[in-house]
Full PDB file with SEQRES, HELIX, SHEET, SSBOND, CRYST1, ORIGX, SCALE, CONECT and MASTER records, all heavy atoms in Angstrom:
SEQRES   1 A   36  LYS SER ILE ILE LEU ALA PHE GLY VAL VAL GLY ILE LEU          
SEQRES   2 A   36  SER VAL SER ILE GLY PHE SER ASN VAL LEU ALA LYS GLY          
SEQRES   3 A   36  GLU THR ASN ASP GLN LEU GLY ASP THR ASN                      
HELIX    1 AA1 SER A    2  LYS A   25  1                                  24    
CRYST1    1.000    1.000    1.000  90.00  90.00  90.00 P 1           1          
ORIGX1      1.000000  0.000000  0.000000        0.00000                         
ORIGX2      0.000000  1.000000  0.000000        0.00000                         
ORIGX3      0.000000  0.000000  1.000000        0.00000                         
SCALE1      1.000000  0.000000  0.000000        0.00000                         
SCALE2      0.000000  1.000000  0.000000        0.00000                         
SCALE3      0.000000  0.000000  1.000000        0.00000                         
ATOM      1  N   LYS A   1      86.706 108.942 123.306  1.00  0.00           N  
ATOM      2  CA  LYS A   1      87.559 107.913 122.702  1.00  0.00           C  
ATOM      3  C   LYS A   1      87.497 107.837 121.204  1.00  0.00           C  
ATOM      4  O   LYS A   1      88.435 107.673 120.543  1.00  0.00           O  
ATOM      5  CB  LYS A   1      87.416 106.494 123.253  1.00  0.00           C  
ATOM      6  CG  LYS A   1      87.734 106.342 124.671  1.00  0.00           C  
ATOM      7  CD  LYS A   1      87.459 104.940 125.183  1.00  0.00           C  
ATOM      8  CE  LYS A   1      87.875 104.732 126.679  1.00  0.00           C  
ATOM      9  NZ  LYS A   1      87.597 103.398 127.179  1.00  0.00           N  
ATOM     10  N   SER A   2      86.249 108.047 120.645  1.00  0.00           N  
ATOM     11  CA  SER A   2      86.174 108.029 119.266  1.00  0.00           C  
ATOM     12  C   SER A   2      86.729 109.180 118.617  1.00  0.00           C  
ATOM     13  O   SER A   2      87.329 109.140 117.461  1.00  0.00           O  
ATOM     14  CB  SER A   2      84.639 107.742 118.829  1.00  0.00           C  
ATOM     15  OG  SER A   2      83.887 108.896 119.417  1.00  0.00           O  
ATOM     16  N   ILE A   3      86.675 110.386 119.192  1.00  0.00           N  
ATOM     17  CA  ILE A   3      87.239 111.580 118.705  1.00  0.00           C  
ATOM     18  C   ILE A   3      88.748 111.461 118.707  1.00  0.00           C  
ATOM     19  O   ILE A   3      89.451 111.824 117.752  1.00  0.00           O  
ATOM     20  CB  ILE A   3      86.837 112.833 119.563  1.00  0.00           C  
ATOM     21  CG1 ILE A   3      85.328 113.166 119.283  1.00  0.00           C  
ATOM     22  CG2 ILE A   3      87.638 114.036 119.231  1.00  0.00           C  
ATOM     23  CD1 ILE A   3      84.788 114.169 120.114  1.00  0.00           C  
ATOM     24  N   ILE A   4      89.323 110.882 119.770  1.00  0.00           N  
ATOM     25  CA  ILE A   4      90.833 110.637 119.829  1.00  0.00           C  
ATOM     26  C   ILE A   4      91.163 109.691 118.820  1.00  0.00           C  
ATOM     27  O   ILE A   4      92.168 109.869 118.135  1.00  0.00           O  
ATOM     28  CB  ILE A   4      91.227 110.191 121.260  1.00  0.00           C  
ATOM     29  CG1 ILE A   4      90.955 111.436 122.279  1.00  0.00           C  
ATOM     30  CG2 ILE A   4      92.639 109.775 121.252  1.00  0.00           C  
ATOM     31  CD1 ILE A   4      91.186 110.890 123.687  1.00  0.00           C  
ATOM     32  N   LEU A   5      90.426 108.718 118.595  1.00  0.00           N  
ATOM     33  CA  LEU A   5      90.703 107.643 117.583  1.00  0.00           C  
ATOM     34  C   LEU A   5      90.782 108.233 116.222  1.00  0.00           C  
ATOM     35  O   LEU A   5      91.613 108.013 115.294  1.00  0.00           O  
ATOM     36  CB  LEU A   5      89.833 106.443 117.673  1.00  0.00           C  
ATOM     37  CG  LEU A   5      90.041 105.335 116.659  1.00  0.00           C  
ATOM     38  CD1 LEU A   5      91.405 104.642 116.850  1.00  0.00           C  
ATOM     39  CD2 LEU A   5      88.850 104.311 116.682  1.00  0.00           C  
ATOM     40  N   ALA A   6      89.748 109.077 115.916  1.00  0.00           N  
ATOM     41  CA  ALA A   6      89.550 109.747 114.615  1.00  0.00           C  
ATOM     42  C   ALA A   6      90.794 110.630 114.299  1.00  0.00           C  
ATOM     43  O   ALA A   6      91.371 110.706 113.231  1.00  0.00           O  
ATOM     44  CB  ALA A   6      88.277 110.466 114.586  1.00  0.00           C  
ATOM     45  N   PHE A   7      91.137 111.497 115.364  1.00  0.00           N  
ATOM     46  CA  PHE A   7      92.306 112.347 115.225  1.00  0.00           C  
ATOM     47  C   PHE A   7      93.637 111.539 114.940  1.00  0.00           C  
ATOM     48  O   PHE A   7      94.476 111.987 114.275  1.00  0.00           O  
ATOM     49  CB  PHE A   7      92.480 113.278 116.379  1.00  0.00           C  
ATOM     50  CG  PHE A   7      91.679 114.465 116.318  1.00  0.00           C  
ATOM     51  CD1 PHE A   7      90.610 114.763 117.332  1.00  0.00           C  
ATOM     52  CD2 PHE A   7      91.698 115.420 115.236  1.00  0.00           C  
ATOM     53  CE1 PHE A   7      89.902 116.011 117.269  1.00  0.00           C  
ATOM     54  CE2 PHE A   7      91.009 116.572 115.223  1.00  0.00           C  
ATOM     55  CZ  PHE A   7      90.064 116.830 116.177  1.00  0.00           C  
ATOM     56  N   GLY A   8      93.727 110.420 115.611  1.00  0.00           N  
ATOM     57  CA  GLY A   8      94.936 109.612 115.533  1.00  0.00           C  
ATOM     58  C   GLY A   8      94.920 109.048 114.133  1.00  0.00           C  
ATOM     59  O   GLY A   8      95.999 109.027 113.416  1.00  0.00           O  
ATOM     60  N   VAL A   9      93.814 108.468 113.598  1.00  0.00           N  
ATOM     61  CA  VAL A   9      93.873 107.934 112.163  1.00  0.00           C  
ATOM     62  C   VAL A   9      94.207 109.038 111.141  1.00  0.00           C  
ATOM     63  O   VAL A   9      94.914 108.818 110.316  1.00  0.00           O  
ATOM     64  CB  VAL A   9      92.474 107.254 111.991  1.00  0.00           C  
ATOM     65  CG1 VAL A   9      92.387 106.888 110.557  1.00  0.00           C  
ATOM     66  CG2 VAL A   9      92.399 106.013 112.821  1.00  0.00           C  
ATOM     67  N   VAL A  10      93.511 110.231 111.344  1.00  0.00           N  
ATOM     68  CA  VAL A  10      93.814 111.454 110.381  1.00  0.00           C  
ATOM     69  C   VAL A  10      95.309 111.755 110.466  1.00  0.00           C  
ATOM     70  O   VAL A  10      95.864 111.980 109.441  1.00  0.00           O  
ATOM     71  CB  VAL A  10      92.875 112.457 110.725  1.00  0.00           C  
ATOM     72  CG1 VAL A  10      93.255 113.755 109.939  1.00  0.00           C  
ATOM     73  CG2 VAL A  10      91.398 112.152 110.383  1.00  0.00           C  
ATOM     74  N   GLY A  11      95.844 111.808 111.691  1.00  0.00           N  
ATOM     75  CA  GLY A  11      97.210 112.235 111.818  1.00  0.00           C  
ATOM     76  C   GLY A  11      98.170 111.215 111.258  1.00  0.00           C  
ATOM     77  O   GLY A  11      99.100 111.602 110.479  1.00  0.00           O  
ATOM     78  N   ILE A  12      97.925 109.990 111.529  1.00  0.00           N  
ATOM     79  CA  ILE A  12      98.799 108.930 110.921  1.00  0.00           C  
ATOM     80  C   ILE A  12      98.677 108.999 109.331  1.00  0.00           C  
ATOM     81  O   ILE A  12      99.612 108.885 108.663  1.00  0.00           O  
ATOM     82  CB  ILE A  12      98.480 107.559 111.400  1.00  0.00           C  
ATOM     83  CG1 ILE A  12      98.920 107.545 112.898  1.00  0.00           C  
ATOM     84  CG2 ILE A  12      99.139 106.466 110.616  1.00  0.00           C  
ATOM     85  CD1 ILE A  12      98.419 106.116 113.635  1.00  0.00           C  
ATOM     86  N   LEU A  13      97.528 109.045 108.828  1.00  0.00           N  
ATOM     87  CA  LEU A  13      97.296 109.107 107.404  1.00  0.00           C  
ATOM     88  C   LEU A  13      97.973 110.330 106.732  1.00  0.00           C  
ATOM     89  O   LEU A  13      98.595 110.208 105.746  1.00  0.00           O  
ATOM     90  CB  LEU A  13      95.741 109.099 107.068  1.00  0.00           C  
ATOM     91  CG  LEU A  13      95.418 109.002 105.681  1.00  0.00           C  
ATOM     92  CD1 LEU A  13      95.854 107.720 105.006  1.00  0.00           C  
ATOM     93  CD2 LEU A  13      93.846 109.179 105.535  1.00  0.00           C  
ATOM     94  N   SER A  14      97.880 111.469 107.328  1.00  0.00           N  
ATOM     95  CA  SER A  14      98.473 112.591 106.747  1.00  0.00           C  
ATOM     96  C   SER A  14      99.978 112.570 106.730  1.00  0.00           C  
ATOM     97  O   SER A  14     100.630 113.036 105.854  1.00  0.00           O  
ATOM     98  CB  SER A  14      97.916 113.957 107.410  1.00  0.00           C  
ATOM     99  OG  SER A  14      98.401 113.884 108.824  1.00  0.00           O  
ATOM    100  N   VAL A  15     100.516 112.065 107.900  1.00  0.00           N  
ATOM    101  CA  VAL A  15     102.000 111.938 107.902  1.00  0.00           C  
ATOM    102  C   VAL A  15     102.476 110.916 106.880  1.00  0.00           C  
ATOM    103  O   VAL A  15     103.464 111.134 106.242  1.00  0.00           O  
ATOM    104  CB  VAL A  15     102.431 111.495 109.355  1.00  0.00           C  
ATOM    105  CG1 VAL A  15     103.902 111.094 109.420  1.00  0.00           C  
ATOM    106  CG2 VAL A  15     102.191 112.695 110.383  1.00  0.00           C  
ATOM    107  N   SER A  16     101.735 109.737 106.714  1.00  0.00           N  
ATOM    108  CA  SER A  16     102.204 108.791 105.825  1.00  0.00           C  
ATOM    109  C   SER A  16     102.096 109.383 104.316  1.00  0.00           C  
ATOM    110  O   SER A  16     103.020 109.091 103.552  1.00  0.00           O  
ATOM    111  CB  SER A  16     101.366 107.574 106.011  1.00  0.00           C  
ATOM    112  OG  SER A  16     100.104 107.732 105.666  1.00  0.00           O  
ATOM    113  N   ILE A  17     101.024 110.109 104.095  1.00  0.00           N  
ATOM    114  CA  ILE A  17     100.949 110.606 102.738  1.00  0.00           C  
ATOM    115  C   ILE A  17     101.941 111.715 102.516  1.00  0.00           C  
ATOM    116  O   ILE A  17     102.627 111.621 101.465  1.00  0.00           O  
ATOM    117  CB  ILE A  17      99.508 111.287 102.542  1.00  0.00           C  
ATOM    118  CG1 ILE A  17      98.454 110.173 102.422  1.00  0.00           C  
ATOM    119  CG2 ILE A  17      99.491 112.185 101.235  1.00  0.00           C  
ATOM    120  CD1 ILE A  17      97.014 110.686 102.400  1.00  0.00           C  
ATOM    121  N   GLY A  18     102.183 112.566 103.453  1.00  0.00           N  
ATOM    122  CA  GLY A  18     103.278 113.578 103.267  1.00  0.00           C  
ATOM    123  C   GLY A  18     104.724 112.926 103.091  1.00  0.00           C  
ATOM    124  O   GLY A  18     105.488 113.251 102.262  1.00  0.00           O  
ATOM    125  N   PHE A  19     104.975 112.030 103.899  1.00  0.00           N  
ATOM    126  CA  PHE A  19     106.291 111.244 103.780  1.00  0.00           C  
ATOM    127  C   PHE A  19     106.428 110.480 102.474  1.00  0.00           C  
ATOM    128  O   PHE A  19     107.462 110.494 101.878  1.00  0.00           O  
ATOM    129  CB  PHE A  19     106.440 110.222 105.020  1.00  0.00           C  
ATOM    130  CG  PHE A  19     107.850 109.793 105.201  1.00  0.00           C  
ATOM    131  CD1 PHE A  19     108.823 110.649 105.406  1.00  0.00           C  
ATOM    132  CD2 PHE A  19     108.096 108.373 105.026  1.00  0.00           C  
ATOM    133  CE1 PHE A  19     110.037 110.109 105.586  1.00  0.00           C  
ATOM    134  CE2 PHE A  19     109.386 107.955 105.180  1.00  0.00           C  
ATOM    135  CZ  PHE A  19     110.371 108.881 105.519  1.00  0.00           C  
ATOM    136  N   SER A  20     105.286 109.861 102.004  1.00  0.00           N  
ATOM    137  CA  SER A  20     105.417 109.200 100.665  1.00  0.00           C  
ATOM    138  C   SER A  20     105.665 110.192  99.587  1.00  0.00           C  
ATOM    139  O   SER A  20     106.383 109.854  98.500  1.00  0.00           O  
ATOM    140  CB  SER A  20     104.241 108.362 100.442  1.00  0.00           C  
ATOM    141  OG  SER A  20     103.063 109.141 100.298  1.00  0.00           O  
ATOM    142  N   ASN A  21     105.191 111.357  99.686  1.00  0.00           N  
ATOM    143  CA  ASN A  21     105.399 112.440  98.702  1.00  0.00           C  
ATOM    144  C   ASN A  21     106.889 112.863  98.666  1.00  0.00           C  
ATOM    145  O   ASN A  21     107.469 113.049  97.597  1.00  0.00           O  
ATOM    146  CB  ASN A  21     104.479 113.601  98.869  1.00  0.00           C  
ATOM    147  CG  ASN A  21     103.003 113.301  98.496  1.00  0.00           C  
ATOM    148  OD1 ASN A  21     102.861 112.479  97.653  1.00  0.00           O  
ATOM    149  ND2 ASN A  21     102.153 114.214  98.960  1.00  0.00           N  
ATOM    150  N   VAL A  22     107.424 112.975  99.865  1.00  0.00           N  
ATOM    151  CA  VAL A  22     108.779 113.414  99.938  1.00  0.00           C  
ATOM    152  C   VAL A  22     109.669 112.330  99.364  1.00  0.00           C  
ATOM    153  O   VAL A  22     110.685 112.604  98.698  1.00  0.00           O  
ATOM    154  CB  VAL A  22     109.184 113.634 101.490  1.00  0.00           C  
ATOM    155  CG1 VAL A  22     110.664 113.708 101.634  1.00  0.00           C  
ATOM    156  CG2 VAL A  22     108.500 114.914 101.985  1.00  0.00           C  
ATOM    157  N   LEU A  23     109.446 110.983  99.661  1.00  0.00           N  
ATOM    158  CA  LEU A  23     110.195 109.925  99.149  1.00  0.00           C  
ATOM    159  C   LEU A  23     110.045 109.795  97.631  1.00  0.00           C  
ATOM    160  O   LEU A  23     111.015 109.553  96.874  1.00  0.00           O  
ATOM    161  CB  LEU A  23     109.841 108.567  99.750  1.00  0.00           C  
ATOM    162  CG  LEU A  23     110.277 108.398 101.203  1.00  0.00           C  
ATOM    163  CD1 LEU A  23     109.743 107.071 101.735  1.00  0.00           C  
ATOM    164  CD2 LEU A  23     111.785 108.463 101.326  1.00  0.00           C  
ATOM    165  N   ALA A  24     108.826 110.093  97.041  1.00  0.00           N  
ATOM    166  CA  ALA A  24     108.607 110.065  95.674  1.00  0.00           C  
ATOM    167  C   ALA A  24     109.305 111.188  94.945  1.00  0.00           C  
ATOM    168  O   ALA A  24     109.849 110.886  93.811  1.00  0.00           O  
ATOM    169  CB  ALA A  24     107.180 110.096  95.368  1.00  0.00           C  
ATOM    170  N   LYS A  25     109.481 112.233  95.569  1.00  0.00           N  
ATOM    171  CA  LYS A  25     110.173 113.393  94.921  1.00  0.00           C  
ATOM    172  C   LYS A  25     111.710 113.319  94.981  1.00  0.00           C  
ATOM    173  O   LYS A  25     112.482 114.034  94.486  1.00  0.00           O  
ATOM    174  CB  LYS A  25     109.743 114.804  95.432  1.00  0.00           C  
ATOM    175  CG  LYS A  25     108.247 115.046  95.179  1.00  0.00           C  
ATOM    176  CD  LYS A  25     107.834 116.329  95.776  1.00  0.00           C  
ATOM    177  CE  LYS A  25     106.379 116.689  95.424  1.00  0.00           C  
ATOM    178  NZ  LYS A  25     105.932 117.798  96.239  1.00  0.00           N  
ATOM    179  N   GLY A  26     112.176 112.354  95.903  1.00  0.00           N  
ATOM    180  CA  GLY A  26     113.559 112.220  96.250  1.00  0.00           C  
ATOM    181  C   GLY A  26     114.197 113.338  97.080  1.00  0.00           C  
ATOM    182  O   GLY A  26     115.275 113.792  96.944  1.00  0.00           O  
ATOM    183  N   GLU A  27     113.393 113.860  97.989  1.00  0.00           N  
ATOM    184  CA  GLU A  27     113.800 115.072  98.724  1.00  0.00           C  
ATOM    185  C   GLU A  27     114.407 114.646 100.128  1.00  0.00           C  
ATOM    186  O   GLU A  27     114.434 115.349 101.077  1.00  0.00           O  
ATOM    187  CB  GLU A  27     112.625 115.977  99.099  1.00  0.00           C  
ATOM    188  CG  GLU A  27     112.090 116.636  97.792  1.00  0.00           C  
ATOM    189  CD  GLU A  27     110.941 117.483  98.083  1.00  0.00           C  
ATOM    190  OE1 GLU A  27     110.416 117.492  99.231  1.00  0.00           O  
ATOM    191  OE2 GLU A  27     110.472 118.138  97.157  1.00  0.00           O  
ATOM    192  N   THR A  28     114.838 113.299 100.280  1.00  0.00           N  
ATOM    193  CA  THR A  28     115.398 112.937 101.420  1.00  0.00           C  
ATOM    194  C   THR A  28     116.813 113.531 101.624  1.00  0.00           C  
ATOM    195  O   THR A  28     117.490 113.834 100.667  1.00  0.00           O  
ATOM    196  CB  THR A  28     115.498 111.297 101.446  1.00  0.00           C  
ATOM    197  OG1 THR A  28     116.397 111.032 100.326  1.00  0.00           O  
ATOM    198  CG2 THR A  28     114.198 110.761 101.345  1.00  0.00           C  
ATOM    199  N   ASN A  29     117.186 113.780 102.830  1.00  0.00           N  
ATOM    200  CA  ASN A  29     118.355 114.473 103.296  1.00  0.00           C  
ATOM    201  C   ASN A  29     119.233 113.432 103.968  1.00  0.00           C  
ATOM    202  O   ASN A  29     119.473 113.716 105.045  1.00  0.00           O  
ATOM    203  CB  ASN A  29     118.131 115.781 104.018  1.00  0.00           C  
ATOM    204  CG  ASN A  29     119.402 116.486 104.217  1.00  0.00           C  
ATOM    205  OD1 ASN A  29     120.417 116.191 103.595  1.00  0.00           O  
ATOM    206  ND2 ASN A  29     119.347 117.443 105.104  1.00  0.00           N  
ATOM    207  N   ASP A  30     119.717 112.449 103.268  1.00  0.00           N  
ATOM    208  CA  ASP A  30     120.668 111.484 104.026  1.00  0.00           C  
ATOM    209  C   ASP A  30     122.105 112.088 103.715  1.00  0.00           C  
ATOM    210  O   ASP A  30     122.595 112.401 102.704  1.00  0.00           O  
ATOM    211  CB  ASP A  30     120.598 110.122 103.509  1.00  0.00           C  
ATOM    212  CG  ASP A  30     120.842 109.951 102.041  1.00  0.00           C  
ATOM    213  OD1 ASP A  30     120.744 111.027 101.309  1.00  0.00           O  
ATOM    214  OD2 ASP A  30     121.148 108.885 101.634  1.00  0.00           O  
ATOM    215  N   GLN A  31     122.857 112.294 104.858  1.00  0.00           N  
ATOM    216  CA  GLN A  31     124.117 112.862 104.727  1.00  0.00           C  
ATOM    217  C   GLN A  31     125.244 111.828 104.292  1.00  0.00           C  
ATOM    218  O   GLN A  31     126.357 112.248 104.194  1.00  0.00           O  
ATOM    219  CB  GLN A  31     124.526 113.423 106.099  1.00  0.00           C  
ATOM    220  CG  GLN A  31     123.689 114.627 106.584  1.00  0.00           C  
ATOM    221  CD  GLN A  31     123.725 115.836 105.603  1.00  0.00           C  
ATOM    222  OE1 GLN A  31     124.850 116.138 105.141  1.00  0.00           O  
ATOM    223  NE2 GLN A  31     122.677 116.459 105.446  1.00  0.00           N  
ATOM    224  N   LEU A  32     124.808 110.549 104.095  1.00  0.00           N  
ATOM    225  CA  LEU A  32     125.708 109.587 103.689  1.00  0.00           C  
ATOM    226  C   LEU A  32     126.037 109.603 102.338  1.00  0.00           C  
ATOM    227  O   LEU A  32     126.959 109.017 101.768  1.00  0.00           O  
ATOM    228  CB  LEU A  32     125.208 108.262 104.200  1.00  0.00           C  
ATOM    229  CG  LEU A  32     125.059 108.095 105.740  1.00  0.00           C  
ATOM    230  CD1 LEU A  32     124.481 106.801 106.016  1.00  0.00           C  
ATOM    231  CD2 LEU A  32     126.322 108.282 106.418  1.00  0.00           C  
ATOM    232  N   GLY A  33     125.112 110.162 101.541  1.00  0.00           N  
ATOM    233  CA  GLY A  33     125.155 109.996 100.026  1.00  0.00           C  
ATOM    234  C   GLY A  33     125.838 111.330  99.428  1.00  0.00           C  
ATOM    235  O   GLY A  33     126.374 112.086 100.202  1.00  0.00           O  
ATOM    236  N   ASP A  34     125.925 111.330  98.092  1.00  0.00           N  
ATOM    237  CA  ASP A  34     126.548 112.468  97.428  1.00  0.00           C  
ATOM    238  C   ASP A  34     125.632 113.685  97.470  1.00  0.00           C  
ATOM    239  O   ASP A  34     124.434 113.528  97.416  1.00  0.00           O  
ATOM    240  CB  ASP A  34     126.831 112.080  95.988  1.00  0.00           C  
ATOM    241  CG  ASP A  34     127.877 111.039  95.907  1.00  0.00           C  
ATOM    242  OD1 ASP A  34     128.663 110.973  96.784  1.00  0.00           O  
ATOM    243  OD2 ASP A  34     127.903 110.381  94.835  1.00  0.00           O  
ATOM    244  N   THR A  35     126.269 114.796  97.520  1.00  0.00           N  
ATOM    245  CA  THR A  35     125.503 116.080  97.536  1.00  0.00           C  
ATOM    246  C   THR A  35     126.123 117.004  96.397  1.00  0.00           C  
ATOM    247  O   THR A  35     127.364 116.932  96.186  1.00  0.00           O  
ATOM    248  CB  THR A  35     125.517 116.768  98.926  1.00  0.00           C  
ATOM    249  OG1 THR A  35     126.865 117.060  99.168  1.00  0.00           O  
ATOM    250  CG2 THR A  35     124.862 116.069  99.916  1.00  0.00           C  
ATOM    251  N   ASN A  36     125.254 117.728  95.875  1.00  0.00           N  
ATOM    252  CA  ASN A  36     125.687 118.750  94.919  1.00  0.00           C  
ATOM    253  C   ASN A  36     125.649 120.090  95.435  1.00  0.00           C  
ATOM    254  O   ASN A  36     124.748 120.460  96.102  1.00  0.00           O  
ATOM    255  CB  ASN A  36     124.858 118.706  93.568  1.00  0.00           C  
ATOM    256  CG  ASN A  36     125.080 117.419  92.853  1.00  0.00           C  
ATOM    257  OD1 ASN A  36     126.116 116.797  92.865  1.00  0.00           O  
ATOM    258  ND2 ASN A  36     123.981 116.905  92.229  1.00  0.00           N  
TER     259      ASN A  36                                                      
MASTER        0    0    0    1    0    0    0    6  258    1    0    3          
END                                                                             
């Protein structure tokens, strides 16, 4: 249970850090906005 919990916490942390980097760089791909 502790190994599963550790992997879960690490996974959630890595996804949130990666997603915040994408948002900070403005690399979102929303098809509703303008595109060049």
